[in-house]
Amino acid sequence: VQLVESGGGLVQAGGSLRLSCAASGSTFSINAMGWYRQAPGKQRQLVARITRGGDRIMYADSVKGRFTISKDNAKNTMYLQMNNLKPEDTAVYYCNAEVPGPHYWGQGTQVTVSS
């Protein structure tokens, strides 16, 4: 499985961005996908996760009500709509695919929110 993120950038506080994660390869093996983020000097943390059928979604408390995760199975693409961004959302955002065995990761995309 290969994962390619896009959509990061620099935005002012209160602004919005939409991240995309395009999956290719053995996508049939993916059970769930998620977005993680890692800020400088901090551990990588789960931001949002969605199951293959889209029936179960979870969000970190810090992003509830502001971020929305979704996926287009026909395009093998997952999205993260981020609204009302805050400076503390600044991080490298990574796409993750859960398969039997070690998970797959994208290369990451930088999101920077200025105050």
PDB file of N, CA and C in Angstrom:
ATOM      1  N   VAL A   1       0.851  -1.194   0.000  1.00  0.00           N
ATOM      2  CA  VAL A   1       0.000   0.000   0.000  1.00  0.00           C
ATOM      3  C   VAL A   1       0.886   1.244   0.000  1.00  0.00           C
ATOM      4  N   GLN A   2       0.567   2.160  -0.896  1.00  0.00           N
ATOM      5  CA  GLN A   2       1.274   3.443  -0.935  1.00  0.00           C
ATOM      6  C   GLN A   2       0.276   4.549  -0.599  1.00  0.00           C
ATOM      7  N   LEU A   3       0.733   5.494   0.211  1.00  0.00           N
ATOM      8  CA  LEU A   3      -0.108   6.601   0.653  1.00  0.00           C
ATOM      9  C   LEU A   3       0.573   7.911   0.321  1.00  0.00           C
ATOM     10  N   VAL A   4      -0.166   8.822  -0.301  1.00  0.00           N
ATOM     11  CA  VAL A   4       0.384  10.122  -0.664  1.00  0.00           C
ATOM     12  C   VAL A   4      -0.554  11.208  -0.159  1.00  0.00           C
ATOM     13  N   GLU A   5      -0.037  12.039   0.759  1.00  0.00           N
ATOM     14  CA  GLU A   5      -0.821  13.147   1.297  1.00  0.00           C
ATOM     15  C   GLU A   5      -0.613  14.395   0.465  1.00  0.00           C
ATOM     16  N   SER A   6      -1.600  15.268   0.507  1.00  0.00           N
ATOM     17  CA  SER A   6      -1.498  16.578  -0.109  1.00  0.00           C
ATOM     18  C   SER A   6      -2.469  17.516   0.599  1.00  0.00           C
ATOM     19  N   GLY A   7      -2.281  18.804   0.352  1.00  0.00           N
ATOM     20  CA  GLY A   7      -3.222  19.786   0.874  1.00  0.00           C
ATOM     21  C   GLY A   7      -2.741  20.611   2.041  1.00  0.00           C
ATOM     22  N   GLY A   8      -1.551  20.328   2.548  1.00  0.00           N
ATOM     23  CA  GLY A   8      -1.045  21.135   3.648  1.00  0.00           C
ATOM     24  C   GLY A   8      -0.646  22.524   3.178  1.00  0.00           C
ATOM     25  N   GLY A   9      -0.303  23.365   4.145  1.00  0.00           N
ATOM     26  CA  GLY A   9       0.119  24.708   3.804  1.00  0.00           C
ATOM     27  C   GLY A   9       0.092  25.624   4.998  1.00  0.00           C
ATOM     28  N   LEU A  10       0.195  26.908   4.700  1.00  0.00           N
ATOM     29  CA  LEU A  10       0.192  27.947   5.721  1.00  0.00           C
ATOM     30  C   LEU A  10      -1.151  28.657   5.696  1.00  0.00           C
ATOM     31  N   VAL A  11      -1.761  28.785   6.859  1.00  0.00           N
ATOM     32  CA  VAL A  11      -3.068  29.434   6.945  1.00  0.00           C
ATOM     33  C   VAL A  11      -3.139  30.238   8.241  1.00  0.00           C
ATOM     34  N   GLN A  12      -3.934  31.283   8.232  1.00  0.00           N
ATOM     35  CA  GLN A  12      -4.116  32.070   9.443  1.00  0.00           C
ATOM     36  C   GLN A  12      -5.102  31.380  10.380  1.00  0.00           C
ATOM     37  N   ALA A  13      -4.974  31.689  11.649  1.00  0.00           N
ATOM     38  CA  ALA A  13      -5.908  31.156  12.628  1.00  0.00           C
ATOM     39  C   ALA A  13      -7.340  31.475  12.224  1.00  0.00           C
ATOM     40  N   GLY A  14      -8.212  30.485  12.375  1.00  0.00           N
ATOM     41  CA  GLY A  14      -9.593  30.636  11.957  1.00  0.00           C
ATOM     42  C   GLY A  14      -9.856  30.169  10.536  1.00  0.00           C
ATOM     43  N   GLY A  15      -8.791  29.913   9.804  1.00  0.00           N
ATOM     44  CA  GLY A  15      -8.932  29.481   8.425  1.00  0.00           C
ATOM     45  C   GLY A  15      -9.181  27.988   8.294  1.00  0.00           C
ATOM     46  N   SER A  16      -9.219  27.526   7.047  1.00  0.00           N
ATOM     47  CA  SER A  16      -9.527  26.125   6.758  1.00  0.00           C
ATOM     48  C   SER A  16      -8.527  25.542   5.769  1.00  0.00           C
ATOM     49  N   LEU A  17      -8.348  24.255   5.861  1.00  0.00           N
ATOM     50  CA  LEU A  17      -7.568  23.491   4.904  1.00  0.00           C
ATOM     51  C   LEU A  17      -8.224  22.126   4.732  1.00  0.00           C
ATOM     52  N   ARG A  18      -8.024  21.519   3.571  1.00  0.00           N
ATOM     53  CA  ARG A  18      -8.472  20.152   3.377  1.00  0.00           C
ATOM     54  C   ARG A  18      -7.284  19.294   2.950  1.00  0.00           C
ATOM     55  N   LEU A  19      -7.014  18.283   3.729  1.00  0.00           N
ATOM     56  CA  LEU A  19      -5.958  17.339   3.409  1.00  0.00           C
ATOM     57  C   LEU A  19      -6.546  16.155   2.653  1.00  0.00           C
ATOM     58  N   SER A  20      -5.753  15.608   1.752  1.00  0.00           N
ATOM     59  CA  SER A  20      -6.141  14.412   1.010  1.00  0.00           C
ATOM     60  C   SER A  20      -5.069  13.347   1.177  1.00  0.00           C
ATOM     61  N   CYS A  21      -5.511  12.103   1.145  1.00  0.00           N
ATOM     62  CA  CYS A  21      -4.587  10.964   1.208  1.00  0.00           C
ATOM     63  C   CYS A  21      -5.032   9.965   0.155  1.00  0.00           C
ATOM     64  N   ALA A  22      -4.230   9.830  -0.875  1.00  0.00           N
ATOM     65  CA  ALA A  22      -4.546   8.897  -1.953  1.00  0.00           C
ATOM     66  C   ALA A  22      -3.828   7.581  -1.698  1.00  0.00           C
ATOM     67  N   ALA A  23      -4.585   6.497  -1.681  1.00  0.00           N
ATOM     68  CA  ALA A  23      -4.020   5.169  -1.451  1.00  0.00           C
ATOM     69  C   ALA A  23      -3.962   4.404  -2.761  1.00  0.00           C
ATOM     70  N   SER A  24      -2.915   3.625  -2.923  1.00  0.00           N
ATOM     71  CA  SER A  24      -2.776   2.771  -4.103  1.00  0.00           C
ATOM     72  C   SER A  24      -2.146   1.452  -3.672  1.00  0.00           C
ATOM     73  N   GLY A  25      -2.159   0.505  -4.578  1.00  0.00           N
ATOM     74  CA  GLY A  25      -1.621  -0.813  -4.261  1.00  0.00           C
ATOM     75  C   GLY A  25      -2.711  -1.722  -3.739  1.00  0.00           C
ATOM     76  N   SER A  26      -2.395  -2.493  -2.710  1.00  0.00           N
ATOM     77  CA  SER A  26      -3.323  -3.487  -2.152  1.00  0.00           C
ATOM     78  C   SER A  26      -4.332  -2.836  -1.214  1.00  0.00           C
ATOM     79  N   THR A  27      -5.121  -1.944  -1.750  1.00  0.00           N
ATOM     80  CA  THR A  27      -6.068  -1.190  -0.918  1.00  0.00           C
ATOM     81  C   THR A  27      -7.165  -2.084  -0.353  1.00  0.00           C
ATOM     82  N   PHE A  28      -7.380  -3.253  -0.956  1.00  0.00           N
ATOM     83  CA  PHE A  28      -8.407  -4.166  -0.465  1.00  0.00           C
ATOM     84  C   PHE A  28      -8.071  -4.672   0.940  1.00  0.00           C
ATOM     85  N   SER A  29      -6.805  -4.573   1.334  1.00  0.00           N
ATOM     86  CA  SER A  29      -6.379  -5.065   2.638  1.00  0.00           C
ATOM     87  C   SER A  29      -6.549  -4.043   3.764  1.00  0.00           C
ATOM     88  N   ILE A  30      -6.943  -2.827   3.405  1.00  0.00           N
ATOM     89  CA  ILE A  30      -7.059  -1.751   4.403  1.00  0.00           C
ATOM     90  C   ILE A  30      -8.348  -1.912   5.200  1.00  0.00           C
ATOM     91  N   ASN A  31      -8.236  -1.994   6.511  1.00  0.00           N
ATOM     92  CA  ASN A  31      -9.391  -2.130   7.399  1.00  0.00           C
ATOM     93  C   ASN A  31      -9.898  -0.787   7.896  1.00  0.00           C
ATOM     94  N   ALA A  32      -8.996   0.132   8.075  1.00  0.00           N
ATOM     95  CA  ALA A  32      -9.351   1.467   8.552  1.00  0.00           C
ATOM     96  C   ALA A  32      -8.228   2.414   8.169  1.00  0.00           C
ATOM     97  N   MET A  33      -8.538   3.699   8.154  1.00  0.00           N
ATOM     98  CA  MET A  33      -7.525   4.708   7.857  1.00  0.00           C
ATOM     99  C   MET A  33      -7.633   5.838   8.868  1.00  0.00           C
ATOM    100  N   GLY A  34      -6.541   6.522   9.037  1.00  0.00           N
ATOM    101  CA  GLY A  34      -6.563   7.597  10.012  1.00  0.00           C
ATOM    102  C   GLY A  34      -5.599   8.709   9.662  1.00  0.00           C
ATOM    103  N   TRP A  35      -5.794   9.831  10.320  1.00  0.00           N
ATOM    104  CA  TRP A  35      -4.880  10.969  10.254  1.00  0.00           C
ATOM    105  C   TRP A  35      -4.206  11.118  11.618  1.00  0.00           C
ATOM    106  N   TYR A  36      -2.908  11.247  11.577  1.00  0.00           N
ATOM    107  CA  TYR A  36      -2.107  11.514  12.762  1.00  0.00           C
ATOM    108  C   TYR A  36      -1.372  12.827  12.553  1.00  0.00           C
ATOM    109  N   ARG A  37      -0.902  13.402  13.634  1.00  0.00           N
ATOM    110  CA  ARG A  37      -0.073  14.598  13.509  1.00  0.00           C
ATOM    111  C   ARG A  37       1.043  14.567  14.539  1.00  0.00           C
ATOM    112  N   GLN A  38       2.116  15.239  14.171  1.00  0.00           N
ATOM    113  CA  GLN A  38       3.264  15.315  15.063  1.00  0.00           C
ATOM    114  C   GLN A  38       3.831  16.719  15.029  1.00  0.00           C
ATOM    115  N   ALA A  39       3.779  17.365  16.168  1.00  0.00           N
ATOM    116  CA  ALA A  39       4.356  18.700  16.318  1.00  0.00           C
ATOM    117  C   ALA A  39       5.801  18.556  16.787  1.00  0.00           C
ATOM    118  N   PRO A  40       6.620  19.563  16.551  1.00  0.00           N
ATOM    119  CA  PRO A  40       8.032  19.490  16.965  1.00  0.00           C
ATOM    120  C   PRO A  40       8.172  19.184  18.450  1.00  0.00           C
ATOM    121  N   GLY A  41       8.977  18.184  18.770  1.00  0.00           N
ATOM    122  CA  GLY A  41       9.227  17.829  20.152  1.00  0.00           C
ATOM    123  C   GLY A  41       8.123  17.057  20.826  1.00  0.00           C
ATOM    124  N   LYS A  42       7.112  16.683  20.065  1.00  0.00           N
ATOM    125  CA  LYS A  42       5.987  15.957  20.651  1.00  0.00           C
ATOM    126  C   LYS A  42       5.808  14.611  19.965  1.00  0.00           C
ATOM    127  N   GLN A  43       5.067  13.726  20.627  1.00  0.00           N
ATOM    128  CA  GLN A  43       4.796  12.422  20.040  1.00  0.00           C
ATOM    129  C   GLN A  43       3.704  12.528  18.985  1.00  0.00           C
ATOM    130  N   ARG A  44       3.749  11.600  18.070  1.00  0.00           N
ATOM    131  CA  ARG A  44       2.702  11.526  17.052  1.00  0.00           C
ATOM    132  C   ARG A  44       1.396  11.116  17.732  1.00  0.00           C
ATOM    133  N   GLN A  45       0.325  11.806  17.355  1.00  0.00           N
ATOM    134  CA  GLN A  45      -0.960  11.514  17.982  1.00  0.00           C
ATOM    135  C   GLN A  45      -2.042  11.314  16.929  1.00  0.00           C
ATOM    136  N   LEU A  46      -3.019  10.486  17.282  1.00  0.00           N
ATOM    137  CA  LEU A  46      -4.145  10.237  16.398  1.00  0.00           C
ATOM    138  C   LEU A  46      -5.076  11.435  16.403  1.00  0.00           C
ATOM    139  N   VAL A  47      -5.445  11.883  15.228  1.00  0.00           N
ATOM    140  CA  VAL A  47      -6.361  13.012  15.088  1.00  0.00           C
ATOM    141  C   VAL A  47      -7.764  12.521  14.773  1.00  0.00           C
ATOM    142  N   ALA A  48      -7.879  11.616  13.809  1.00  0.00           N
ATOM    143  CA  ALA A  48      -9.181  11.096  13.402  1.00  0.00           C
ATOM    144  C   ALA A  48      -8.972   9.751  12.719  1.00  0.00           C
ATOM    145  N   ARG A  49     -10.008   8.931  12.788  1.00  0.00           N
ATOM    146  CA  ARG A  49      -9.920   7.585  12.218  1.00  0.00           C
ATOM    147  C   ARG A  49     -11.271   7.203  11.661  1.00  0.00           C
ATOM    148  N   ILE A  50     -11.252   6.482  10.538  1.00  0.00           N
ATOM    149  CA  ILE A  50     -12.486   6.042   9.902  1.00  0.00           C
ATOM    150  C   ILE A  50     -12.321   4.606   9.441  1.00  0.00           C
ATOM    151  N   THR A  51     -13.328   3.789   9.688  1.00  0.00           N
ATOM    152  CA  THR A  51     -13.261   2.393   9.278  1.00  0.00           C
ATOM    153  C   THR A  51     -13.540   2.269   7.775  1.00  0.00           C
ATOM    154  N   ARG A  52     -13.267   1.092   7.261  1.00  0.00           N
ATOM    155  CA  ARG A  52     -13.368   0.864   5.824  1.00  0.00           C
ATOM    156  C   ARG A  52     -14.751   1.225   5.292  1.00  0.00           C
ATOM    157  N   GLY A  53     -15.782   0.811   6.012  1.00  0.00           N
ATOM    158  CA  GLY A  53     -17.140   1.097   5.566  1.00  0.00           C
ATOM    159  C   GLY A  53     -17.627   2.480   5.948  1.00  0.00           C
ATOM    160  N   GLY A  54     -16.817   3.200   6.699  1.00  0.00           N
ATOM    161  CA  GLY A  54     -17.209   4.536   7.121  1.00  0.00           C
ATOM    162  C   GLY A  54     -18.228   4.552   8.247  1.00  0.00           C
ATOM    163  N   ASP A  55     -18.481   3.373   8.844  1.00  0.00           N
ATOM    164  CA  ASP A  55     -19.522   3.303   9.852  1.00  0.00           C
ATOM    165  C   ASP A  55     -19.049   3.697  11.238  1.00  0.00           C
ATOM    166  N   ARG A  56     -17.759   3.703  11.434  1.00  0.00           N
ATOM    167  CA  ARG A  56     -17.225   4.113  12.729  1.00  0.00           C
ATOM    168  C   ARG A  56     -16.158   5.173  12.521  1.00  0.00           C
ATOM    169  N   ILE A  57     -16.366   6.311  13.162  1.00  0.00           N
ATOM    170  CA  ILE A  57     -15.463   7.451  13.068  1.00  0.00           C
ATOM    171  C   ILE A  57     -15.144   7.922  14.475  1.00  0.00           C
ATOM    172  N   MET A  58     -13.902   8.259  14.687  1.00  0.00           N
ATOM    173  CA  MET A  58     -13.533   8.844  15.967  1.00  0.00           C
ATOM    174  C   MET A  58     -12.630  10.050  15.742  1.00  0.00           C
ATOM    175  N   TYR A  59     -12.681  10.968  16.703  1.00  0.00           N
ATOM    176  CA  TYR A  59     -11.863  12.182  16.666  1.00  0.00           C
ATOM    177  C   TYR A  59     -11.173  12.380  18.008  1.00  0.00           C
ATOM    178  N   ALA A  60      -9.997  12.957  17.954  1.00  0.00           N
ATOM    179  CA  ALA A  60      -9.366  13.417  19.184  1.00  0.00           C
ATOM    180  C   ALA A  60     -10.202  14.548  19.763  1.00  0.00           C
ATOM    181  N   ASP A  61     -10.243  14.648  21.057  1.00  0.00           N
ATOM    182  CA  ASP A  61     -11.054  15.689  21.707  1.00  0.00           C
ATOM    183  C   ASP A  61     -10.669  17.084  21.226  1.00  0.00           C
ATOM    184  N   SER A  62      -9.400  17.281  20.944  1.00  0.00           N
ATOM    185  CA  SER A  62      -8.906  18.603  20.577  1.00  0.00           C
ATOM    186  C   SER A  62      -9.415  19.090  19.223  1.00  0.00           C
ATOM    187  N   VAL A  63      -9.945  18.186  18.401  1.00  0.00           N
ATOM    188  CA  VAL A  63     -10.386  18.598  17.066  1.00  0.00           C
ATOM    189  C   VAL A  63     -11.883  18.389  16.852  1.00  0.00           C
ATOM    190  N   LYS A  64     -12.565  17.815  17.830  1.00  0.00           N
ATOM    191  CA  LYS A  64     -14.001  17.563  17.679  1.00  0.00           C
ATOM    192  C   LYS A  64     -14.745  18.856  17.396  1.00  0.00           C
ATOM    193  N   GLY A  65     -15.626  18.801  16.417  1.00  0.00           N
ATOM    194  CA  GLY A  65     -16.408  19.973  16.058  1.00  0.00           C
ATOM    195  C   GLY A  65     -15.723  20.885  15.055  1.00  0.00           C
ATOM    196  N   ARG A  66     -14.439  20.649  14.814  1.00  0.00           N
ATOM    197  CA  ARG A  66     -13.690  21.490  13.867  1.00  0.00           C
ATOM    198  C   ARG A  66     -13.192  20.693  12.659  1.00  0.00           C
ATOM    199  N   PHE A  67     -12.832  19.440  12.866  1.00  0.00           N
ATOM    200  CA  PHE A  67     -12.299  18.609  11.785  1.00  0.00           C
ATOM    201  C   PHE A  67     -13.330  17.556  11.383  1.00  0.00           C
ATOM    202  N   THR A  68     -13.325  17.205  10.105  1.00  0.00           N
ATOM    203  CA  THR A  68     -14.198  16.153   9.599  1.00  0.00           C
ATOM    204  C   THR A  68     -13.398  15.214   8.716  1.00  0.00           C
ATOM    205  N   ILE A  69     -13.441  13.935   9.051  1.00  0.00           N
ATOM    206  CA  ILE A  69     -12.766  12.917   8.247  1.00  0.00           C
ATOM    207  C   ILE A  69     -13.786  12.267   7.331  1.00  0.00           C
ATOM    208  N   SER A  70     -13.377  11.964   6.119  1.00  0.00           N
ATOM    209  CA  SER A  70     -14.266  11.296   5.171  1.00  0.00           C
ATOM    210  C   SER A  70     -13.418  10.504   4.187  1.00  0.00           C
ATOM    211  N   LYS A  71     -14.077   9.672   3.400  1.00  0.00           N
ATOM    212  CA  LYS A  71     -13.339   8.895   2.398  1.00  0.00           C
ATOM    213  C   LYS A  71     -14.210   8.621   1.196  1.00  0.00           C
ATOM    214  N   ASP A  72     -13.571   8.519   0.059  1.00  0.00           N
ATOM    215  CA  ASP A  72     -14.223   8.192  -1.199  1.00  0.00           C
ATOM    216  C   ASP A  72     -13.633   6.859  -1.647  1.00  0.00           C
ATOM    217  N   ASN A  73     -14.357   5.788  -1.420  1.00  0.00           N
ATOM    218  CA  ASN A  73     -13.827   4.461  -1.726  1.00  0.00           C
ATOM    219  C   ASN A  73     -13.571   4.283  -3.223  1.00  0.00           C
ATOM    220  N   ALA A  74     -14.382   4.908  -4.035  1.00  0.00           N
ATOM    221  CA  ALA A  74     -14.204   4.778  -5.481  1.00  0.00           C
ATOM    222  C   ALA A  74     -12.876   5.382  -5.933  1.00  0.00           C
ATOM    223  N   LYS A  75     -12.427   6.402  -5.218  1.00  0.00           N
ATOM    224  CA  LYS A  75     -11.168   7.067  -5.552  1.00  0.00           C
ATOM    225  C   LYS A  75     -10.026   6.612  -4.654  1.00  0.00           C
ATOM    226  N   ASN A  76     -10.332   5.717  -3.701  1.00  0.00           N
ATOM    227  CA  ASN A  76      -9.315   5.279  -2.736  1.00  0.00           C
ATOM    228  C   ASN A  76      -8.641   6.474  -2.075  1.00  0.00           C
ATOM    229  N   THR A  77      -9.425   7.435  -1.704  1.00  0.00           N
ATOM    230  CA  THR A  77      -8.893   8.677  -1.140  1.00  0.00           C
ATOM    231  C   THR A  77      -9.622   9.021   0.157  1.00  0.00           C
ATOM    232  N   MET A  78      -8.840   9.438   1.139  1.00  0.00           N
ATOM    233  CA  MET A  78      -9.373   9.888   2.424  1.00  0.00           C
ATOM    234  C   MET A  78      -9.112  11.380   2.556  1.00  0.00           C
ATOM    235  N   TYR A  79      -9.995  12.055   3.249  1.00  0.00           N
ATOM    236  CA  TYR A  79      -9.876  13.501   3.403  1.00  0.00           C
ATOM    237  C   TYR A  79      -9.944  13.898   4.878  1.00  0.00           C
ATOM    238  N   LEU A  80      -9.391  15.065   5.150  1.00  0.00           N
ATOM    239  CA  LEU A  80      -9.551  15.670   6.466  1.00  0.00           C
ATOM    240  C   LEU A  80      -9.850  17.141   6.240  1.00  0.00           C
ATOM    241  N   GLN A  81     -11.095  17.518   6.461  1.00  0.00           N
ATOM    242  CA  GLN A  81     -11.490  18.913   6.374  1.00  0.00           C
ATOM    243  C   GLN A  81     -11.230  19.552   7.728  1.00  0.00           C
ATOM    244  N   MET A  82     -10.405  20.575   7.739  1.00  0.00           N
ATOM    245  CA  MET A  82     -10.018  21.232   8.982  1.00  0.00           C
ATOM    246  C   MET A  82     -10.507  22.671   8.952  1.00  0.00           C
ATOM    247  N   ASN A  83     -11.425  22.989   9.851  1.00  0.00           N
ATOM    248  CA  ASN A  83     -11.984  24.329   9.953  1.00  0.00           C
ATOM    249  C   ASN A  83     -11.590  24.969  11.274  1.00  0.00           C
ATOM    250  N   ASN A  84     -11.717  26.286  11.320  1.00  0.00           N
ATOM    251  CA  ASN A  84     -11.395  27.030  12.539  1.00  0.00           C
ATOM    252  C   ASN A  84     -10.033  26.590  13.096  1.00  0.00           C
ATOM    253  N   LEU A  85      -9.046  26.610  12.234  1.00  0.00           N
ATOM    254  CA  LEU A  85      -7.724  26.149  12.636  1.00  0.00           C
ATOM    255  C   LEU A  85      -7.114  27.061  13.689  1.00  0.00           C
ATOM    256  N   LYS A  86      -6.346  26.437  14.587  1.00  0.00           N
ATOM    257  CA  LYS A  86      -5.695  27.145  15.674  1.00  0.00           C
ATOM    258  C   LYS A  86      -4.178  26.957  15.566  1.00  0.00           C
ATOM    259  N   PRO A  87      -3.409  27.870  16.127  1.00  0.00           N
ATOM    260  CA  PRO A  87      -1.944  27.704  16.083  1.00  0.00           C
ATOM    261  C   PRO A  87      -1.492  26.352  16.643  1.00  0.00           C
ATOM    262  N   GLU A  88      -2.194  25.829  17.615  1.00  0.00           N
ATOM    263  CA  GLU A  88      -1.805  24.540  18.190  1.00  0.00           C
ATOM    264  C   GLU A  88      -2.084  23.355  17.262  1.00  0.00           C
ATOM    265  N   ASP A  89      -2.728  23.602  16.136  1.00  0.00           N
ATOM    266  CA  ASP A  89      -2.912  22.549  15.136  1.00  0.00           C
ATOM    267  C   ASP A  89      -1.680  22.413  14.238  1.00  0.00           C
ATOM    268  N   THR A  90      -0.729  23.315  14.383  1.00  0.00           N
ATOM    269  CA  THR A  90       0.487  23.257  13.575  1.00  0.00           C
ATOM    270  C   THR A  90       1.240  21.960  13.829  1.00  0.00           C
ATOM    271  N   ALA A  91       1.499  21.230  12.755  1.00  0.00           N
ATOM    272  CA  ALA A  91       2.162  19.925  12.864  1.00  0.00           C
ATOM    273  C   ALA A  91       2.356  19.355  11.463  1.00  0.00           C
ATOM    274  N   VAL A  92       3.102  18.270  11.397  1.00  0.00           N
ATOM    275  CA  VAL A  92       3.130  17.454  10.182  1.00  0.00           C
ATOM    276  C   VAL A  92       2.008  16.433  10.319  1.00  0.00           C
ATOM    277  N   TYR A  93       1.169  16.380   9.323  1.00  0.00           N
ATOM    278  CA  TYR A  93       0.028  15.467   9.331  1.00  0.00           C
ATOM    279  C   TYR A  93       0.344  14.250   8.466  1.00  0.00           C
ATOM    280  N   TYR A  94       0.096  13.076   9.039  1.00  0.00           N
ATOM    281  CA  TYR A  94       0.395  11.822   8.368  1.00  0.00           C
ATOM    282  C   TYR A  94      -0.877  11.004   8.155  1.00  0.00           C
ATOM    283  N   CYS A  95      -0.924  10.379   7.014  1.00  0.00           N
ATOM    284  CA  CYS A  95      -1.984   9.438   6.689  1.00  0.00           C
ATOM    285  C   CYS A  95      -1.525   8.044   7.114  1.00  0.00           C
ATOM    286  N   ASN A  96      -2.461   7.267   7.646  1.00  0.00           N
ATOM    287  CA  ASN A  96      -2.152   5.931   8.125  1.00  0.00           C
ATOM    288  C   ASN A  96      -3.177   4.940   7.602  1.00  0.00           C
ATOM    289  N   ALA A  97      -2.720   3.772   7.180  1.00  0.00           N
ATOM    290  CA  ALA A  97      -3.619   2.705   6.724  1.00  0.00           C
ATOM    291  C   ALA A  97      -3.398   1.477   7.593  1.00  0.00           C
ATOM    292  N   GLU A  98      -4.479   0.983   8.179  1.00  0.00           N
ATOM    293  CA  GLU A  98      -4.413  -0.188   9.041  1.00  0.00           C
ATOM    294  C   GLU A  98      -4.692  -1.443   8.215  1.00  0.00           C
ATOM    295  N   VAL A  99      -3.694  -2.321   8.199  1.00  0.00           N
ATOM    296  CA  VAL A  99      -3.803  -3.598   7.499  1.00  0.00           C
ATOM    297  C   VAL A  99      -3.331  -4.687   8.454  1.00  0.00           C
ATOM    298  N   PRO A 100      -3.632  -5.955   8.154  1.00  0.00           N
ATOM    299  CA  PRO A 100      -3.048  -7.025   8.978  1.00  0.00           C
ATOM    300  C   PRO A 100      -1.527  -6.930   8.920  1.00  0.00           C
ATOM    301  N   GLY A 101      -0.905  -6.763  10.084  1.00  0.00           N
ATOM    302  CA  GLY A 101       0.535  -6.564  10.099  1.00  0.00           C
ATOM    303  C   GLY A 101       0.863  -5.102  10.323  1.00  0.00           C
ATOM    304  N   PRO A 102       2.108  -4.703  10.056  1.00  0.00           N
ATOM    305  CA  PRO A 102       2.514  -3.299  10.263  1.00  0.00           C
ATOM    306  C   PRO A 102       1.683  -2.344   9.415  1.00  0.00           C
ATOM    307  N   HIS A 103       1.330  -1.201  10.018  1.00  0.00           N
ATOM    308  CA  HIS A 103       0.543  -0.214   9.295  1.00  0.00           C
ATOM    309  C   HIS A 103       1.408   0.494   8.262  1.00  0.00           C
ATOM    310  N   TYR A 104       0.726   1.131   7.306  1.00  0.00           N
ATOM    311  CA  TYR A 104       1.417   1.928   6.310  1.00  0.00           C
ATOM    312  C   TYR A 104       1.263   3.408   6.637  1.00  0.00           C
ATOM    313  N   TRP A 105       2.298   4.193   6.261  1.00  0.00           N
ATOM    314  CA  TRP A 105       2.297   5.622   6.526  1.00  0.00           C
ATOM    315  C   TRP A 105       2.617   6.392   5.256  1.00  0.00           C
ATOM    316  N   GLY A 106       2.032   7.567   5.158  1.00  0.00           N
ATOM    317  CA  GLY A 106       2.413   8.480   4.106  1.00  0.00           C
ATOM    318  C   GLY A 106       3.648   9.262   4.520  1.00  0.00           C
ATOM    319  N   GLN A 107       4.076  10.151   3.641  1.00  0.00           N
ATOM    320  CA  GLN A 107       5.304  10.908   3.890  1.00  0.00           C
ATOM    321  C   GLN A 107       5.064  12.132   4.766  1.00  0.00           C
ATOM    322  N   GLY A 108       3.819  12.498   4.923  1.00  0.00           N
ATOM    323  CA  GLY A 108       3.466  13.641   5.759  1.00  0.00           C
ATOM    324  C   GLY A 108       3.315  14.921   4.966  1.00  0.00           C
ATOM    325  N   THR A 109       2.476  15.804   5.471  1.00  0.00           N
ATOM    326  CA  THR A 109       2.284  17.118   4.874  1.00  0.00           C
ATOM    327  C   THR A 109       2.233  18.149   5.998  1.00  0.00           C
ATOM    328  N   GLN A 110       2.940  19.242   5.808  1.00  0.00           N
ATOM    329  CA  GLN A 110       3.063  20.260   6.854  1.00  0.00           C
ATOM    330  C   GLN A 110       1.839  21.167   6.867  1.00  0.00           C
ATOM    331  N   VAL A 111       1.301  21.360   8.048  1.00  0.00           N
ATOM    332  CA  VAL A 111       0.240  22.347   8.274  1.00  0.00           C
ATOM    333  C   VAL A 111       0.762  23.355   9.283  1.00  0.00           C
ATOM    334  N   THR A 112       0.741  24.618   8.889  1.00  0.00           N
ATOM    335  CA  THR A 112       1.205  25.685   9.769  1.00  0.00           C
ATOM    336  C   THR A 112       0.099  26.717   9.912  1.00  0.00           C
ATOM    337  N   VAL A 113      -0.275  26.990  11.158  1.00  0.00           N
ATOM    338  CA  VAL A 113      -1.340  27.950  11.441  1.00  0.00           C
ATOM    339  C   VAL A 113      -0.725  29.130  12.164  1.00  0.00           C
ATOM    340  N   SER A 114      -0.824  30.288  11.559  1.00  0.00           N
ATOM    341  CA  SER A 114      -0.256  31.490  12.167  1.00  0.00           C
ATOM    342  C   SER A 114      -1.314  32.217  12.994  1.00  0.00           C
ATOM    343  N   SER A 115      -0.847  32.860  14.041  1.00  0.00           N
ATOM    344  CA  SER A 115      -1.778  33.561  14.938  1.00  0.00           C
ATOM    345  C   SER A 115      -1.985  35.000  14.514  1.00  0.00           C
TER     346      SER A 115
END
